[in-house]
C-alpha atoms as a PDB file:
ATOM      1  CA  MET A   1       9.385 -33.933 -13.028  1.00  0.00           C
ATOM      2  CA  SER A   2       9.723 -32.527  -9.544  1.00  0.00           C
ATOM      3  CA  ILE A   3       7.117 -30.514  -7.534  1.00  0.00           C
ATOM      4  CA  LEU A   4       7.858 -26.922  -7.405  1.00  0.00           C
ATOM      5  CA  THR A   5       7.904 -24.870  -4.154  1.00  0.00           C
ATOM      6  CA  GLY A   6       7.902 -21.130  -3.600  1.00  0.00           C
ATOM      7  CA  ASN A   7      11.022 -20.896  -1.646  1.00  0.00           C
ATOM      8  CA  LYS A   8      13.244 -19.865  -4.659  1.00  0.00           C
ATOM      9  CA  ALA A   9      10.608 -17.470  -6.091  1.00  0.00           C
ATOM     10  CA  LYS A  10      11.603 -13.745  -6.628  1.00  0.00           C
ATOM     11  CA  LEU A  11       9.613 -10.657  -7.050  1.00  0.00           C
ATOM     12  CA  GLN A  12      11.025  -7.407  -8.475  1.00  0.00           C
ATOM     13  CA  ILE A  13       9.527  -3.847  -9.359  1.00  0.00           C
ATOM     14  CA  GLY A  14      10.668  -1.055 -11.593  1.00  0.00           C
ATOM     15  CA  LYS A  15       8.971   2.370 -12.064  1.00  0.00           C
ATOM     16  CA  GLU A  16       7.803   2.751 -15.533  1.00  0.00           C
ATOM     17  CA  THR A  17       8.301   5.865 -17.632  1.00  0.00           C
ATOM     18  CA  THR A  18       5.239   5.166 -19.787  1.00  0.00           C
ATOM     19  CA  TRP A  19       2.102   3.327 -18.475  1.00  0.00           C
ATOM     20  CA  GLY A  20       2.087  -0.253 -19.689  1.00  0.00           C
ATOM     21  CA  THR A  21       5.565  -0.176 -21.146  1.00  0.00           C
ATOM     22  CA  LEU A  22       7.946  -2.713 -19.468  1.00  0.00           C
ATOM     23  CA  VAL A  23      11.113  -1.436 -17.869  1.00  0.00           C
ATOM     24  CA  THR A  24      14.143  -3.046 -16.088  1.00  0.00           C
ATOM     25  CA  THR A  25      13.418  -3.754 -12.511  1.00  0.00           C
ATOM     26  CA  THR A  26      15.277  -1.866  -9.718  1.00  0.00           C
ATOM     27  CA  GLN A  27      14.160  -3.358  -6.399  1.00  0.00           C
ATOM     28  CA  GLU A  28      13.694  -6.862  -5.238  1.00  0.00           C
ATOM     29  CA  TYR A  29      11.408  -7.831  -2.347  1.00  0.00           C
ATOM     30  CA  ALA A  30      11.439 -10.516   0.292  1.00  0.00           C
ATOM     31  CA  PHE A  31       7.849 -11.322   0.396  1.00  0.00           C
ATOM     32  CA  PHE A  32       5.194 -13.706   1.831  1.00  0.00           C
ATOM     33  CA  SER A  33       2.972 -14.159  -1.008  1.00  0.00           C
ATOM     34  CA  GLU A  34       1.944 -12.663  -4.424  1.00  0.00           C
ATOM     35  CA  GLU A  35      -1.230 -13.232  -6.572  1.00  0.00           C
ATOM     36  CA  PHE A  36      -0.786 -11.312  -9.885  1.00  0.00           C
ATOM     37  CA  LYS A  37      -2.680 -12.686 -12.659  1.00  0.00           C
ATOM     38  CA  GLU A  38      -4.076 -11.625 -16.047  1.00  0.00           C
ATOM     39  CA  THR A  39      -7.814 -11.636 -16.251  1.00  0.00           C
ATOM     40  CA  ARG A  40      -9.538 -11.890 -19.552  1.00  0.00           C
ATOM     41  CA  GLU A  41     -13.266 -11.003 -19.645  1.00  0.00           C
ATOM     42  CA  LYS A  42     -14.927 -13.341 -22.171  1.00  0.00           C
ATOM     43  CA  LYS A  43     -18.422 -12.917 -23.536  1.00  0.00           C
ATOM     44  CA  VAL A  44     -20.534 -15.430 -25.372  1.00  0.00           C
ATOM     45  CA  GLU A  45     -22.011 -14.454 -28.666  1.00  0.00           C
ATOM     46  CA  GLY A  46     -25.611 -15.147 -27.458  1.00  0.00           C
ATOM     47  CA  VAL A  47     -26.963 -16.064 -30.737  1.00  0.00           C
ATOM     48  CA  ILE A  48     -28.930 -19.106 -31.592  1.00  0.00           C
ATOM     49  CA  VAL A  49     -26.611 -21.558 -33.467  1.00  0.00           C
ATOM     50  CA  GLY A  50     -29.176 -24.195 -34.223  1.00  0.00           C
ATOM     51  CA  SER A  51     -26.949 -26.903 -32.580  1.00  0.00           C
ATOM     52  CA  LYS A  52     -26.885 -28.919 -29.283  1.00  0.00           C
ATOM     53  CA  GLY A  53     -24.335 -26.880 -27.373  1.00  0.00           C
ATOM     54  CA  GLU A  54     -23.444 -23.292 -26.461  1.00  0.00           C
ATOM     55  CA  PRO A  55     -21.765 -20.774 -29.013  1.00  0.00           C
ATOM     56  CA  ALA A  56     -18.117 -19.795 -28.472  1.00  0.00           C
ATOM     57  CA  ASN A  57     -16.790 -17.083 -26.023  1.00  0.00           C
ATOM     58  CA  TYR A  58     -14.414 -14.372 -27.160  1.00  0.00           C
ATOM     59  CA  THR A  59     -12.163 -12.147 -25.188  1.00  0.00           C
ATOM     60  CA  THR A  60     -13.523  -8.365 -24.804  1.00  0.00           C
ATOM     61  CA  LYS A  61     -11.182  -7.146 -22.208  1.00  0.00           C
ATOM     62  CA  ILE A  62      -7.734  -7.845 -20.753  1.00  0.00           C
ATOM     63  CA  GLN A  63      -6.531  -6.540 -17.498  1.00  0.00           C
ATOM     64  CA  VAL A  64      -4.049  -7.471 -14.652  1.00  0.00           C
ATOM     65  CA  GLU A  65      -5.070  -7.795 -11.044  1.00  0.00           C
ATOM     66  CA  GLY A  66      -3.134  -8.608  -7.967  1.00  0.00           C
ATOM     67  CA  GLY A  67      -0.691  -7.710  -5.305  1.00  0.00           C
ATOM     68  CA  PHE A  68       1.703  -8.940  -2.659  1.00  0.00           C
ATOM     69  CA  SER A  69       2.529  -8.999   1.032  1.00  0.00           C
ATOM     70  CA  CYS A  70       5.874  -8.132   2.750  1.00  0.00           C
ATOM     71  CA  LEU A  71       7.260  -6.603   5.766  1.00  0.00           C
ATOM     72  CA  ALA A  72       7.812  -2.911   6.285  1.00  0.00           C
ATOM     73  CA  ARG A  73      11.554  -2.009   6.010  1.00  0.00           C
ATOM     74  CA  ALA A  74      12.997   1.619   5.966  1.00  0.00           C
ATOM     75  CA  ASP A  75      14.236   1.505   2.550  1.00  0.00           C
ATOM     76  CA  ASP A  76      12.138  -0.498  -0.063  1.00  0.00           C
ATOM     77  CA  ILE A  77       8.710   0.567   1.484  1.00  0.00           C
ATOM     78  CA  GLY A  78       9.441   3.924  -0.077  1.00  0.00           C
ATOM     79  CA  TYR A  79       8.560   2.575  -3.662  1.00  0.00           C
ATOM     80  CA  LEU A  80       5.171   1.407  -2.127  1.00  0.00           C
ATOM     81  CA  LEU A  81       4.502   4.634  -0.341  1.00  0.00           C
ATOM     82  CA  ALA A  82       5.279   6.762  -3.382  1.00  0.00           C
ATOM     83  CA  GLY A  83       3.392   4.477  -5.642  1.00  0.00           C
ATOM     84  CA  THR A  84       0.254   4.562  -3.495  1.00  0.00           C
ATOM     85  CA  LEU A  85       0.201   8.399  -2.495  1.00  0.00           C
ATOM     86  CA  GLY A  86       1.671   9.525  -5.878  1.00  0.00           C
ATOM     87  CA  SER A  87       3.649  12.667  -4.829  1.00  0.00           C
ATOM     88  CA  GLU A  88       7.095  12.795  -3.394  1.00  0.00           C
ATOM     89  CA  GLY A  89       8.681  16.038  -2.198  1.00  0.00           C
ATOM     90  CA  THR A  90      12.078  17.316  -2.156  1.00  0.00           C
ATOM     91  CA  ILE A  91      14.600  15.176  -0.130  1.00  0.00           C
ATOM     92  CA  THR A  92      15.819  16.924   2.947  1.00  0.00           C
ATOM     93  CA  ASP A  93      18.968  16.071   5.050  1.00  0.00           C
ATOM     94  CA  VAL A  94      18.561  14.873   8.669  1.00  0.00           C
ATOM     95  CA  GLY A  95      21.673  14.787  10.706  1.00  0.00           C
ATOM     96  CA  THR A  96      24.864  13.992   8.775  1.00  0.00           C
ATOM     97  CA  ASN A  97      23.758  10.836   6.745  1.00  0.00           C
ATOM     98  CA  GLY A  98      19.963  10.899   7.008  1.00  0.00           C
ATOM     99  CA  LYS A  99      17.598  11.522   4.171  1.00  0.00           C
ATOM    100  CA  LYS A 100      13.855  12.389   4.702  1.00  0.00           C
ATOM    101  CA  HIS A 101      11.481  11.545   1.954  1.00  0.00           C
ATOM    102  CA  THR A 102       8.141  12.873   2.095  1.00  0.00           C
ATOM    103  CA  PHE A 103       5.100  11.565   0.393  1.00  0.00           C
ATOM    104  CA  THR A 104       1.544  13.144  -0.028  1.00  0.00           C
ATOM    105  CA  ALA A 105      -1.597  12.368  -1.846  1.00  0.00           C
ATOM    106  CA  LEU A 106      -1.486  13.274  -5.508  1.00  0.00           C
ATOM    107  CA  GLU A 107      -3.294  16.443  -6.600  1.00  0.00           C
ATOM    108  CA  MET A 108      -5.117  15.369  -9.699  1.00  0.00           C
ATOM    109  CA  SER A 109      -5.155  17.334 -12.974  1.00  0.00           C
ATOM    110  CA  GLU A 110      -5.136  16.508 -16.788  1.00  0.00           C
ATOM    111  CA  SER A 111      -1.105  16.134 -16.533  1.00  0.00           C
ATOM    112  CA  SER A 112      -0.904  14.340 -13.295  1.00  0.00           C
ATOM    113  CA  SER A 113      -1.027  10.483 -12.931  1.00  0.00           C
ATOM    114  CA  LEU A 114      -0.164   7.879 -10.236  1.00  0.00           C
ATOM    115  CA  PRO A 115       3.142   6.218 -10.986  1.00  0.00           C
ATOM    116  CA  SER A 116       3.002   2.833 -12.552  1.00  0.00           C
ATOM    117  CA  PHE A 117       5.286  -0.217 -12.163  1.00  0.00           C
ATOM    118  CA  THR A 118       6.599  -3.120 -14.056  1.00  0.00           C
ATOM    119  CA  ILE A 119       6.345  -6.337 -11.787  1.00  0.00           C
ATOM    120  CA  LYS A 120       8.488  -9.328 -12.592  1.00  0.00           C
ATOM    121  CA  ILE A 121       8.156 -12.604 -10.879  1.00  0.00           C
ATOM    122  CA  ASP A 122      10.230 -15.870 -11.112  1.00  0.00           C
ATOM    123  CA  ARG A 123       7.883 -18.695 -10.368  1.00  0.00           C
ATOM    124  CA  ILE A 124      10.421 -21.265 -11.025  1.00  0.00           C
ATOM    125  CA  ALA A 125       8.571 -22.885 -13.931  1.00  0.00           C
ATOM    126  CA  ASP A 126       8.749 -19.549 -15.791  1.00  0.00           C
ATOM    127  CA  LYS A 127       9.308 -15.932 -15.347  1.00  0.00           C
ATOM    128  CA  PHE A 128       6.347 -13.554 -15.590  1.00  0.00           C
ATOM    129  CA  ALA A 129       6.171  -9.823 -16.233  1.00  0.00           C
ATOM    130  CA  TYR A 130       3.293  -7.483 -15.542  1.00  0.00           C
ATOM    131  CA  SER A 131       3.057  -3.973 -17.100  1.00  0.00           C
ATOM    132  CA  GLY A 132       1.255  -0.956 -15.978  1.00  0.00           C
ATOM    133  CA  PHE A 133       0.607  -1.915 -12.313  1.00  0.00           C
ATOM    134  CA  LYS A 134      -0.775   0.719 -10.205  1.00  0.00           C
ATOM    135  CA  ILE A 135      -1.457   0.603  -6.408  1.00  0.00           C
ATOM    136  CA  ASP A 136      -5.237   0.774  -5.545  1.00  0.00           C
ATOM    137  CA  GLU A 137      -4.872  -0.177  -1.876  1.00  0.00           C
ATOM    138  CA  LEU A 138      -2.023  -0.135   0.668  1.00  0.00           C
ATOM    139  CA  LYS A 139      -2.425  -1.756   4.092  1.00  0.00           C
ATOM    140  CA  LEU A 140      -0.137  -1.493   6.962  1.00  0.00           C
ATOM    141  CA  SER A 141      -0.865  -3.581  10.010  1.00  0.00           C
ATOM    142  CA  GLY A 142       0.695  -4.977  13.171  1.00  0.00           C
ATOM    143  CA  SER A 143      -0.017  -6.136  16.583  1.00  0.00           C
ATOM    144  CA  ALA A 144       1.807  -6.758  19.951  1.00  0.00           C
ATOM    145  CA  GLY A 145       4.881  -9.002  19.550  1.00  0.00           C
ATOM    146  CA  ASP A 146       5.131  -8.768  15.751  1.00  0.00           C
ATOM    147  CA  PHE A 147       6.396  -6.832  12.874  1.00  0.00           C
ATOM    148  CA  VAL A 148       4.633  -4.201  10.707  1.00  0.00           C
ATOM    149  CA  LYS A 149       3.158  -5.764   7.667  1.00  0.00           C
ATOM    150  CA  VAL A 150       2.496  -4.404   4.312  1.00  0.00           C
ATOM    151  CA  ASP A 151      -0.179  -5.608   1.820  1.00  0.00           C
ATOM    152  CA  VAL A 152      -0.577  -4.005  -1.581  1.00  0.00           C
ATOM    153  CA  LYS A 153      -3.258  -4.565  -4.137  1.00  0.00           C
ATOM    154  CA  GLY A 154      -3.862  -3.072  -7.605  1.00  0.00           C
ATOM    155  CA  VAL A 155      -4.361  -3.437 -11.271  1.00  0.00           C
ATOM    156  CA  GLY A 156      -2.119  -3.505 -14.260  1.00  0.00           C
ATOM    157  CA  LYS A 157      -2.217  -3.809 -18.087  1.00  0.00           C
ATOM    158  CA  ASP A 158      -1.100  -7.101 -19.337  1.00  0.00           C
ATOM    159  CA  GLU A 159       1.035 -10.249 -18.711  1.00  0.00           C
ATOM    160  CA  THR A 160       4.131 -11.647 -20.543  1.00  0.00           C
ATOM    161  CA  THR A 161       6.222 -14.772 -20.019  1.00  0.00           C
ATOM    162  CA  GLY A 162       9.749 -15.668 -20.621  1.00  0.00           C
ATOM    163  CA  THR A 163      10.914 -12.388 -19.104  1.00  0.00           C
ATOM    164  CA  THR A 164      14.356 -11.815 -17.473  1.00  0.00           C
ATOM    165  CA  LEU A 165      14.954 -10.613 -14.059  1.00  0.00           C
ATOM    166  CA  ALA A 166      17.614  -8.217 -13.089  1.00  0.00           C
ATOM    167  CA  SER A 167      20.435  -9.299 -10.747  1.00  0.00           C
ATOM    168  CA  LEU A 168      19.299  -7.457  -7.556  1.00  0.00           C
ATOM    169  CA  SER A 169      19.602  -7.797  -3.776  1.00  0.00           C
ATOM    170  CA  LYS A 170      16.829  -7.651  -1.338  1.00  0.00           C
ATOM    171  CA  SER A 171      16.772  -5.032   1.379  1.00  0.00           C
ATOM    172  CA  SER A 172      19.338  -5.686   4.204  1.00  0.00           C
ATOM    173  CA  ARG A 173      17.420  -3.340   6.661  1.00  0.00           C
ATOM    174  CA  ARG A 174      15.493  -4.942   9.669  1.00  0.00           C
ATOM    175  CA  PRO A 175      11.804  -4.694   9.422  1.00  0.00           C
ATOM    176  CA  PHE A 176       9.798  -2.215  11.617  1.00  0.00           C
ATOM    177  CA  LYS A 177       8.512  -3.773  14.876  1.00  0.00           C
ATOM    178  CA  PHE A 178       5.088  -3.056  16.403  1.00  0.00           C
ATOM    179  CA  SER A 179       7.061  -2.355  19.656  1.00  0.00           C
ATOM    180  CA  GLY A 180       8.844   0.414  17.994  1.00  0.00           C
ATOM    181  CA  GLY A 181       5.648   2.337  17.327  1.00  0.00           C
ATOM    182  CA  THR A 182       3.928   5.557  18.968  1.00  0.00           C
ATOM    183  CA  LEU A 183       0.436   6.760  18.253  1.00  0.00           C
ATOM    184  CA  LYS A 184      -0.836  10.245  19.263  1.00  0.00           C
ATOM    185  CA  PHE A 185      -4.190  11.751  19.296  1.00  0.00           C
ATOM    186  CA  GLY A 186      -3.210  15.367  19.107  1.00  0.00           C
ATOM    187  CA  THR A 187      -0.391  15.548  21.758  1.00  0.00           C
ATOM    188  CA  THR A 188      -1.845  12.617  23.816  1.00  0.00           C
ATOM    189  CA  SER A 189       0.006   9.310  23.548  1.00  0.00           C
ATOM    190  CA  ILE A 190      -2.273   6.305  22.984  1.00  0.00           C
ATOM    191  CA  GLU A 191      -1.170   2.844  23.976  1.00  0.00           C
ATOM    192  CA  ILE A 192      -2.466   0.265  21.543  1.00  0.00           C
ATOM    193  CA  THR A 193      -2.290  -3.455  21.175  1.00  0.00           C
ATOM    194  CA  SER A 194      -2.917  -3.550  17.233  1.00  0.00           C
ATOM    195  CA  PHE A 195      -3.530  -1.185  14.174  1.00  0.00           C
ATOM    196  CA  ASP A 196      -4.594  -1.504  10.617  1.00  0.00           C
ATOM    197  CA  PHE A 197      -3.906   1.508   8.421  1.00  0.00           C
ATOM    198  CA  ASN A 198      -5.821   1.398   5.002  1.00  0.00           C
ATOM    199  CA  TYR A 199      -5.228   3.824   2.127  1.00  0.00           C
ATOM    200  CA  LYS A 200      -7.504   3.352  -0.890  1.00  0.00           C
ATOM    201  CA  ASN A 201      -7.105   5.226  -4.241  1.00  0.00           C
ATOM    202  CA  ASN A 202     -10.416   3.935  -5.644  1.00  0.00           C
ATOM    203  CA  LEU A 203      -8.843   3.604  -9.011  1.00  0.00           C
ATOM    204  CA  GLN A 204     -11.027   4.213 -12.031  1.00  0.00           C
ATOM    205  CA  LYS A 205     -10.013   1.047 -13.780  1.00  0.00           C
ATOM    206  CA  ASP A 206     -12.732   0.020 -16.069  1.00  0.00           C
ATOM    207  CA  ILE A 207     -12.948   2.717 -18.768  1.00  0.00           C
ATOM    208  CA  GLN A 208     -12.805   1.090 -22.165  1.00  0.00           C
ATOM    209  CA  THR A 209     -13.527   2.721 -25.579  1.00  0.00           C
ATOM    210  CA  ASN A 210     -13.424   1.783 -29.206  1.00  0.00           C
ATOM    211  CA  LEU A 211      -9.802   3.122 -29.284  1.00  0.00           C
ATOM    212  CA  THR A 212      -8.375   1.166 -26.353  1.00  0.00           C
ATOM    213  CA  GLY A 213      -8.961  -2.082 -27.799  1.00  0.00           C
ATOM    214  CA  LEU A 214      -9.080  -5.059 -25.481  1.00  0.00           C
ATOM    215  CA  TYR A 215      -7.408  -2.761 -22.716  1.00  0.00           C
ATOM    216  CA  THR A 216      -8.656  -0.003 -20.590  1.00  0.00           C
ATOM    217  CA  TYR A 217      -7.659   3.507 -20.103  1.00  0.00           C
ATOM    218  CA  GLU A 218      -4.718   4.093 -17.778  1.00  0.00           C
ATOM    219  CA  PRO A 219      -6.402   3.957 -14.249  1.00  0.00           C
ATOM    220  CA  GLN A 220      -6.472   7.088 -12.224  1.00  0.00           C
ATOM    221  CA  PRO A 221      -7.500   7.669  -8.541  1.00  0.00           C
ATOM    222  CA  ALA A 222     -10.785   8.977  -7.412  1.00  0.00           C
ATOM    223  CA  GLN A 223     -11.754  10.093  -3.908  1.00  0.00           C
ATOM    224  CA  ARG A 224      -8.998   8.773  -1.627  1.00  0.00           C
ATOM    225  CA  GLN A 225     -10.119   6.822   1.575  1.00  0.00           C
ATOM    226  CA  ILE A 226      -7.760   6.656   4.543  1.00  0.00           C
ATOM    227  CA  THR A 227      -8.947   4.626   7.514  1.00  0.00           C
ATOM    228  CA  LEU A 228      -7.284   3.451  10.727  1.00  0.00           C
ATOM    229  CA  ASN A 229      -8.523   0.688  13.164  1.00  0.00           C
ATOM    230  CA  ILE A 230      -6.793   0.482  16.499  1.00  0.00           C
ATOM    231  CA  GLU A 231      -7.285  -1.689  19.648  1.00  0.00           C
ATOM    232  CA  THR A 232      -6.359  -0.317  23.082  1.00  0.00           C
ATOM    233  CA  ILE A 233      -6.755  -1.387  26.537  1.00  0.00           C
ATOM    234  CA  PHE A 234     -10.185  -0.392  28.047  1.00  0.00           C
ATOM    235  CA  ASP A 235      -9.444   2.236  30.800  1.00  0.00           C
ATOM    236  CA  ASP A 236      -9.716   5.845  31.821  1.00  0.00           C
ATOM    237  CA  ASN A 237      -7.563   6.986  28.990  1.00  0.00           C
ATOM    238  CA  SER A 238      -9.461   5.115  26.302  1.00  0.00           C
ATOM    239  CA  LEU A 239     -12.704   6.606  27.756  1.00  0.00           C
ATOM    240  CA  THR A 240     -11.242  10.073  27.644  1.00  0.00           C
ATOM    241  CA  GLN A 241     -10.632   9.795  23.781  1.00  0.00           C
ATOM    242  CA  TYR A 242     -14.160   8.213  23.475  1.00  0.00           C
ATOM    243  CA  THR A 243     -15.705  11.178  25.432  1.00  0.00           C
ATOM    244  CA  ASN A 244     -13.590  13.863  23.892  1.00  0.00           C
ATOM    245  CA  TYR A 245     -13.833  12.801  19.993  1.00  0.00           C
ATOM    246  CA  TYR A 246     -16.386  10.128  19.545  1.00  0.00           C
ATOM    247  CA  LYS A 247     -19.298  11.669  21.454  1.00  0.00           C
ATOM    248  CA  THR A 248     -18.648  15.138  20.146  1.00  0.00           C
ATOM    249  CA  ASP A 249     -17.703  14.496  16.464  1.00  0.00           C
ATOM    250  CA  ASP A 250     -14.686  16.741  16.929  1.00  0.00           C
ATOM    251  CA  THR A 251     -11.675  16.194  14.707  1.00  0.00           C
ATOM    252  CA  PHE A 252      -8.041  16.094  15.743  1.00  0.00           C
ATOM    253  CA  ALA A 253      -4.475  15.465  14.359  1.00  0.00           C
ATOM    254  CA  LEU A 254      -3.024  12.026  14.440  1.00  0.00           C
ATOM    255  CA  GLU A 255       0.696  10.705  14.174  1.00  0.00           C
ATOM    256  CA  LEU A 256       1.646   7.133  13.882  1.00  0.00           C
ATOM    257  CA  GLU A 257       5.341   6.528  13.939  1.00  0.00           C
ATOM    258  CA  PHE A 258       7.579   3.450  13.764  1.00  0.00           C
ATOM    259  CA  GLU A 259      11.190   3.730  14.687  1.00  0.00           C
ATOM    260  CA  SER A 260      13.636   0.960  13.764  1.00  0.00           C
ATOM    261  CA  GLU A 261      16.180  -0.438  16.212  1.00  0.00           C
ATOM    262  CA  GLU A 262      18.889   0.325  13.506  1.00  0.00           C
ATOM    263  CA  GLU A 263      20.696   3.631  13.672  1.00  0.00           C
ATOM    264  CA  ILE A 264      21.662   5.635  10.610  1.00  0.00           C
ATOM    265  CA  GLU A 265      24.127   7.382  13.036  1.00  0.00           C
ATOM    266  CA  THR A 266      24.198   7.966  16.773  1.00  0.00           C
ATOM    267  CA  GLY A 267      20.947   9.410  17.977  1.00  0.00           C
ATOM    268  CA  LEU A 268      19.269   8.935  14.410  1.00  0.00           C
ATOM    269  CA  ASN A 269      17.206   5.824  13.640  1.00  0.00           C
ATOM    270  CA  TYR A 270      15.397   4.710  10.541  1.00  0.00           C
ATOM    271  CA  SER A 271      11.829   5.685  10.840  1.00  0.00           C
ATOM    272  CA  MET A 272       8.384   5.976   9.244  1.00  0.00           C
ATOM    273  CA  LYS A 273       5.798   8.485  10.348  1.00  0.00           C
ATOM    274  CA  ILE A 274       2.134   8.887   9.227  1.00  0.00           C
ATOM    275  CA  ILE A 275       0.777  12.282   9.790  1.00  0.00           C
ATOM    276  CA  ILE A 276      -3.041  13.082   9.451  1.00  0.00           C
ATOM    277  CA  PRO A 277      -3.962  16.650  10.137  1.00  0.00           C
ATOM    278  CA  THR A 278      -7.622  16.076  10.403  1.00  0.00           C
ATOM    279  CA  ILE A 279      -9.233  12.852  11.465  1.00  0.00           C
ATOM    280  CA  GLN A 280     -12.327  11.671  13.111  1.00  0.00           C
ATOM    281  CA  ILE A 281     -13.549   8.647  15.240  1.00  0.00           C
ATOM    282  CA  THR A 282     -16.379   6.926  13.347  1.00  0.00           C
ATOM    283  CA  SER A 283     -16.976   3.988  15.539  1.00  0.00           C
ATOM    284  CA  SER A 284     -16.115   2.649  19.104  1.00  0.00           C
ATOM    285  CA  ASP A 285     -16.535  -0.580  20.896  1.00  0.00           C
ATOM    286  CA  PHE A 286     -15.744  -1.605  24.399  1.00  0.00           C
ATOM    287  CA  GLY A 287     -18.170  -4.360  25.298  1.00  0.00           C
ATOM    288  CA  VAL A 288     -17.251  -7.157  27.763  1.00  0.00           C
ATOM    289  CA  LYS A 289     -16.510 -10.281  25.698  1.00  0.00           C
ATOM    290  CA  GLY A 290     -15.598 -12.907  28.332  1.00  0.00           C
ATOM    291  CA  THR A 291     -13.221 -12.990  31.101  1.00  0.00           C
ATOM    292  CA  ASP A 292     -10.135 -11.896  29.186  1.00  0.00           C
ATOM    293  CA  VAL A 293      -8.637  -8.298  29.466  1.00  0.00           C
ATOM    294  CA  LEU A 294     -11.223  -5.657  28.393  1.00  0.00           C
ATOM    295  CA  LYS A 295     -10.403  -4.017  25.087  1.00  0.00           C
ATOM    296  CA  HIS A 296     -11.440  -0.809  23.472  1.00  0.00           C
ATOM    297  CA  SER A 297     -11.488  -0.561  19.588  1.00  0.00           C
ATOM    298  CA  PHE A 298     -11.762   2.616  17.587  1.00  0.00           C
ATOM    299  CA  SER A 299     -12.294   3.110  13.796  1.00  0.00           C
ATOM    300  CA  LEU A 300     -11.081   6.476  12.378  1.00  0.00           C
ATOM    301  CA  LYS A 301     -11.119   8.185   9.007  1.00  0.00           C
ATOM    302  CA  ALA A 302      -9.164  11.006   7.547  1.00  0.00           C
ATOM    303  CA  ILE A 303     -11.152  14.130   6.670  1.00  0.00           C
ATOM    304  CA  ASP A 304     -10.386  16.398   3.804  1.00  0.00           C
ATOM    305  CA  SER A 305      -9.061  19.773   4.830  1.00  0.00           C
ATOM    306  CA  ILE A 306      -8.608  22.752   2.365  1.00  0.00           C
ATOM    307  CA  SER A 307      -5.769  24.072   4.737  1.00  0.00           C
ATOM    308  CA  SER A 308      -3.583  20.998   5.091  1.00  0.00           C
ATOM    309  CA  GLU A 309      -2.578  17.924   3.327  1.00  0.00           C
ATOM    310  CA  LEU A 310      -4.872  14.868   3.564  1.00  0.00           C
ATOM    311  CA  VAL A 311      -2.012  12.837   4.783  1.00  0.00           C
ATOM    312  CA  THR A 312       1.713  13.008   4.893  1.00  0.00           C
ATOM    313  CA  ILE A 313       4.121  10.054   5.290  1.00  0.00           C
ATOM    314  CA  GLU A 314       7.743  10.749   6.280  1.00  0.00           C
ATOM    315  CA  LEU A 315      10.427   8.096   5.660  1.00  0.00           C
ATOM    316  CA  ILE A 316      13.869   8.734   7.055  1.00  0.00           C
ATOM    317  CA  ASN A 317      16.643   6.411   5.668  1.00  0.00           C
ATOM    318  CA  THR A 318      19.910   6.809   3.622  1.00  0.00           C
ATOM    319  CA  ASN A 319      18.547   6.728   0.173  1.00  0.00           C
ATOM    320  CA  ALA A 320      19.608   9.924  -1.574  1.00  0.00           C
ATOM    321  CA  ASN A 321      17.392   9.515  -4.676  1.00  0.00           C
ATOM    322  CA  LYS A 322      13.763   9.877  -5.038  1.00  0.00           C
ATOM    323  CA  TYR A 323      11.655   6.751  -5.467  1.00  0.00           C
ATOM    324  CA  ILE A 324       9.490   8.336  -8.175  1.00  0.00           C
END
């Protein structure tokens, strides 16, 4: 028997109609790593059995945990953005062939719910399917000289083996590069050397009753947390932001945009823009840490506002269909 390697592994997703009910997958991802697994909470009886050893353990809860990492591409990242934020608006035309997809944070009600996905993975030795996967956390990150990376984590319902993957192709789009990014505090352009954007749904994922059996209720988001960590060159410009916003507690609007080198048509490139209308700097650090170039780091968080969306993400590509 030969040793298995991950170079032939496949990972596919498909949006579910009903939470926890497997569907045919519709998108395959080129990925770095994945860590999906079924977890079983096992409890010991705890009774005195009058023997030399411990009593048996029994499963009392079943849940799936995991996620995967990939690069941000202008087409397949739409499923991940839609799955994280939960709401996708009307697609609008841009130019002749461009389509703009707009994602916002889901407004929770009795009838609303974050979308769930079926995840199917070919691990060579067997093919696994994970139902009811909801994204709890999405992270976009990048640094000078590199690509924009995506990390998603979440929870699902259960695991099955011996599944069948669809015949799909991975995205042919080039990944977004850090060098294609622009960041604005209000109308001021900020030069950065790295960034981390984090969106957390804080899923309520542990509600279990007598009627749910070994499984939990369908997870739903609680208070959303959106944070951004950036590093800049320490200079007069960084100190201006420090003085104007960190030392005053003032809020401001922020835009972080990445534009691909690939054109949809002349003058229109594939792009992704994160718009946060109200954000605040929560920490700042610019200490001297040796003889290297001085850096200035900021941590920021999005602030809830009644008059505007918590966050809006715009994705421009050629996909004429909604992701969710």
